[in-house]
Amino acid sequence: MQTIAEIEAQIKELQEKKAKIQSQGKRKAIKEIKAKMAEYGITIDDLQVKLQEKVSIHKPAKEKVPSVVKYRKSESETWVGRGPKPKWVKEIEAKGLNIEKFRVGTNDFELTPRLNL
């Protein structure tokens, strides 16, 4: 059975081998990249410009568009037609009325007729 010291020595030896292999691979890759750059006339500035075009730390926030009111019972009771129906819409439907009677028209200043609910 191996001791901890022996295992640690093996780990150190393997880490050194790993670093050597990485260094050799890196040198080889750099040499190949330099050769391709020379072959195609690519400069460091060309690479930096391309990287700056593609790398973005933050995505631009999407512009939020306010929802347009589609249904209105009163000035304070409105619904955009999305999501859960508000209580006042459920009450209207429970009384058998058509919610379309409360659809906002083209005249933004005109409220829909008030019904005794």
C-alpha atoms as a PDB file:
ATOM      1  CA  MET A   1       0.000   0.000   0.000  1.00  0.00           C
ATOM      2  CA  GLN A   2       1.275   3.457  -0.932  1.00  0.00           C
ATOM      3  CA  THR A   3       1.779   6.213   1.571  1.00  0.00           C
ATOM      4  CA  ILE A   4       0.309   9.670   1.243  1.00  0.00           C
ATOM      5  CA  ALA A   5       3.780  11.066   0.604  1.00  0.00           C
ATOM      6  CA  GLU A   6       4.297   8.657  -2.306  1.00  0.00           C
ATOM      7  CA  ILE A   7       0.911   9.560  -3.805  1.00  0.00           C
ATOM      8  CA  GLU A   8       1.670  13.278  -3.425  1.00  0.00           C
ATOM      9  CA  ALA A   9       5.021  12.736  -5.170  1.00  0.00           C
ATOM     10  CA  GLN A  10       3.230  10.981  -8.047  1.00  0.00           C
ATOM     11  CA  ILE A  11       0.695  13.823  -8.243  1.00  0.00           C
ATOM     12  CA  LYS A  12       3.514  16.374  -8.387  1.00  0.00           C
ATOM     13  CA  GLU A  13       5.303  14.392 -11.107  1.00  0.00           C
ATOM     14  CA  LEU A  14       2.088  14.092 -13.167  1.00  0.00           C
ATOM     15  CA  GLN A  15       1.340  17.802 -12.767  1.00  0.00           C
ATOM     16  CA  GLU A  16       4.831  18.613 -14.033  1.00  0.00           C
ATOM     17  CA  LYS A  17       4.310  16.318 -17.033  1.00  0.00           C
ATOM     18  CA  LYS A  18       0.957  17.985 -17.698  1.00  0.00           C
ATOM     19  CA  ALA A  19       2.531  21.466 -17.589  1.00  0.00           C
ATOM     20  CA  LYS A  20       5.316  20.354 -19.970  1.00  0.00           C
ATOM     21  CA  ILE A  21       2.821  18.867 -22.461  1.00  0.00           C
ATOM     22  CA  GLN A  22       0.647  21.989 -22.293  1.00  0.00           C
ATOM     23  CA  SER A  23       3.676  24.221 -22.842  1.00  0.00           C
ATOM     24  CA  GLN A  24       4.805  22.197 -25.856  1.00  0.00           C
ATOM     25  CA  GLY A  25       1.293  22.201 -27.304  1.00  0.00           C
ATOM     26  CA  LYS A  26       0.991  25.922 -26.757  1.00  0.00           C
ATOM     27  CA  ARG A  27       4.311  26.622 -28.489  1.00  0.00           C
ATOM     28  CA  LYS A  28       3.276  24.422 -31.425  1.00  0.00           C
ATOM     29  CA  ALA A  29      -0.132  26.127 -31.700  1.00  0.00           C
ATOM     30  CA  ILE A  30       1.442  29.601 -31.590  1.00  0.00           C
ATOM     31  CA  LYS A  31       3.920  28.611 -34.302  1.00  0.00           C
ATOM     32  CA  GLU A  32       1.061  27.327 -36.513  1.00  0.00           C
ATOM     33  CA  ILE A  33      -1.022  30.435 -35.880  1.00  0.00           C
ATOM     34  CA  LYS A  34       1.890  32.730 -36.740  1.00  0.00           C
ATOM     35  CA  ALA A  35       2.453  30.800 -39.977  1.00  0.00           C
ATOM     36  CA  LYS A  36      -1.236  31.139 -40.961  1.00  0.00           C
ATOM     37  CA  MET A  37      -1.206  34.836 -40.070  1.00  0.00           C
ATOM     38  CA  ALA A  38       1.834  35.387 -42.273  1.00  0.00           C
ATOM     39  CA  GLU A  39       0.305  33.325 -45.085  1.00  0.00           C
ATOM     40  CA  TYR A  40      -2.909  35.386 -45.115  1.00  0.00           C
ATOM     41  CA  GLY A  41      -1.459  38.744 -44.061  1.00  0.00           C
ATOM     42  CA  ILE A  42      -3.396  38.871 -40.789  1.00  0.00           C
ATOM     43  CA  THR A  43      -2.184  41.322 -38.149  1.00  0.00           C
ATOM     44  CA  ILE A  44      -2.765  41.463 -34.406  1.00  0.00           C
ATOM     45  CA  ASP A  45      -4.961  44.524 -34.998  1.00  0.00           C
ATOM     46  CA  ASP A  46      -7.157  42.465 -37.347  1.00  0.00           C
ATOM     47  CA  LEU A  47      -7.665  39.902 -34.599  1.00  0.00           C
ATOM     48  CA  GLN A  48      -8.405  42.487 -31.913  1.00  0.00           C
ATOM     49  CA  VAL A  49     -11.031  44.212 -34.060  1.00  0.00           C
ATOM     50  CA  LYS A  50     -12.788  40.905 -34.767  1.00  0.00           C
ATOM     51  CA  LEU A  51     -12.713  39.933 -31.095  1.00  0.00           C
ATOM     52  CA  GLN A  52     -14.140  43.277 -30.021  1.00  0.00           C
ATOM     53  CA  GLU A  53     -16.960  42.889 -32.550  1.00  0.00           C
ATOM     54  CA  LYS A  54     -17.928  39.459 -31.255  1.00  0.00           C
ATOM     55  CA  VAL A  55     -17.256  39.726 -27.523  1.00  0.00           C
ATOM     56  CA  SER A  56     -19.911  41.487 -25.501  1.00  0.00           C
ATOM     57  CA  ILE A  57     -19.899  41.476 -21.726  1.00  0.00           C
ATOM     58  CA  HIS A  58     -23.554  42.415 -21.431  1.00  0.00           C
ATOM     59  CA  LYS A  59     -26.352  41.835 -23.843  1.00  0.00           C
ATOM     60  CA  PRO A  60     -28.369  44.954 -24.485  1.00  0.00           C
ATOM     61  CA  ALA A  61     -31.607  44.933 -22.546  1.00  0.00           C
ATOM     62  CA  LYS A  62     -34.713  44.433 -24.577  1.00  0.00           C
ATOM     63  CA  GLU A  63     -36.841  47.498 -24.740  1.00  0.00           C
ATOM     64  CA  LYS A  64     -40.046  46.978 -22.796  1.00  0.00           C
ATOM     65  CA  VAL A  65     -43.163  48.017 -24.606  1.00  0.00           C
ATOM     66  CA  PRO A  66     -46.008  49.097 -22.343  1.00  0.00           C
ATOM     67  CA  SER A  67     -49.155  47.014 -22.616  1.00  0.00           C
ATOM     68  CA  VAL A  68     -52.149  48.652 -24.235  1.00  0.00           C
ATOM     69  CA  VAL A  69     -55.421  48.568 -22.337  1.00  0.00           C
ATOM     70  CA  LYS A  70     -57.973  46.537 -24.286  1.00  0.00           C
ATOM     71  CA  TYR A  71     -60.867  46.491 -21.814  1.00  0.00           C
ATOM     72  CA  ARG A  72     -62.051  49.195 -19.428  1.00  0.00           C
ATOM     73  CA  LYS A  73     -64.948  49.288 -16.969  1.00  0.00           C
ATOM     74  CA  SER A  74     -63.897  52.478 -15.232  1.00  0.00           C
ATOM     75  CA  GLU A  75     -60.792  54.642 -15.111  1.00  0.00           C
ATOM     76  CA  SER A  76     -59.280  52.398 -12.435  1.00  0.00           C
ATOM     77  CA  GLU A  77     -60.593  49.049 -13.715  1.00  0.00           C
ATOM     78  CA  THR A  78     -58.713  48.064 -16.851  1.00  0.00           C
ATOM     79  CA  TRP A  79     -57.315  44.892 -18.390  1.00  0.00           C
ATOM     80  CA  VAL A  80     -54.844  44.377 -21.226  1.00  0.00           C
ATOM     81  CA  GLY A  81     -56.371  41.034 -22.190  1.00  0.00           C
ATOM     82  CA  ARG A  82     -53.394  38.956 -21.072  1.00  0.00           C
ATOM     83  CA  GLY A  83     -52.829  36.976 -17.933  1.00  0.00           C
ATOM     84  CA  PRO A  84     -55.490  36.050 -15.398  1.00  0.00           C
ATOM     85  CA  LYS A  85     -58.814  37.818 -15.713  1.00  0.00           C
ATOM     86  CA  PRO A  86     -59.344  40.464 -13.046  1.00  0.00           C
ATOM     87  CA  LYS A  87     -62.249  40.176 -10.641  1.00  0.00           C
ATOM     88  CA  TRP A  88     -64.358  42.774 -12.453  1.00  0.00           C
ATOM     89  CA  VAL A  89     -64.095  40.824 -15.748  1.00  0.00           C
ATOM     90  CA  LYS A  90     -65.135  37.601 -14.027  1.00  0.00           C
ATOM     91  CA  GLU A  91     -68.113  39.400 -12.471  1.00  0.00           C
ATOM     92  CA  ILE A  92     -69.194  40.731 -15.878  1.00  0.00           C
ATOM     93  CA  GLU A  93     -68.975  37.276 -17.430  1.00  0.00           C
ATOM     94  CA  ALA A  94     -70.824  35.737 -14.470  1.00  0.00           C
ATOM     95  CA  LYS A  95     -73.727  38.115 -15.158  1.00  0.00           C
ATOM     96  CA  GLY A  96     -73.847  36.874 -18.748  1.00  0.00           C
ATOM     97  CA  LEU A  97     -72.530  40.083 -20.299  1.00  0.00           C
ATOM     98  CA  ASN A  98     -70.098  40.061 -23.196  1.00  0.00           C
ATOM     99  CA  ILE A  99     -66.682  41.460 -22.259  1.00  0.00           C
ATOM    100  CA  GLU A 100     -66.419  42.906 -25.776  1.00  0.00           C
ATOM    101  CA  LYS A 101     -68.873  45.622 -24.708  1.00  0.00           C
ATOM    102  CA  PHE A 102     -66.015  46.927 -22.557  1.00  0.00           C
ATOM    103  CA  ARG A 103     -63.384  46.901 -25.322  1.00  0.00           C
ATOM    104  CA  VAL A 104     -61.587  50.232 -25.573  1.00  0.00           C
ATOM    105  CA  GLY A 105     -62.500  52.045 -28.804  1.00  0.00           C
ATOM    106  CA  THR A 106     -60.368  54.280 -30.936  1.00  0.00           C
ATOM    107  CA  ASN A 107     -61.229  57.323 -28.799  1.00  0.00           C
ATOM    108  CA  ASP A 108     -58.904  57.017 -25.808  1.00  0.00           C
ATOM    109  CA  PHE A 109     -60.777  59.625 -23.794  1.00  0.00           C
ATOM    110  CA  GLU A 110     -64.129  57.884 -23.953  1.00  0.00           C
ATOM    111  CA  LEU A 111     -64.864  55.368 -21.229  1.00  0.00           C
ATOM    112  CA  THR A 112     -67.121  52.475 -22.002  1.00  0.00           C
ATOM    113  CA  PRO A 113     -70.692  52.894 -20.797  1.00  0.00           C
ATOM    114  CA  ARG A 114     -71.180  52.316 -17.113  1.00  0.00           C
ATOM    115  CA  LEU A 115     -73.456  49.440 -16.338  1.00  0.00           C
ATOM    116  CA  ASN A 116     -74.947  48.795 -12.940  1.00  0.00           C
ATOM    117  CA  LEU A 117     -72.928  45.824 -11.833  1.00  0.00           C
END
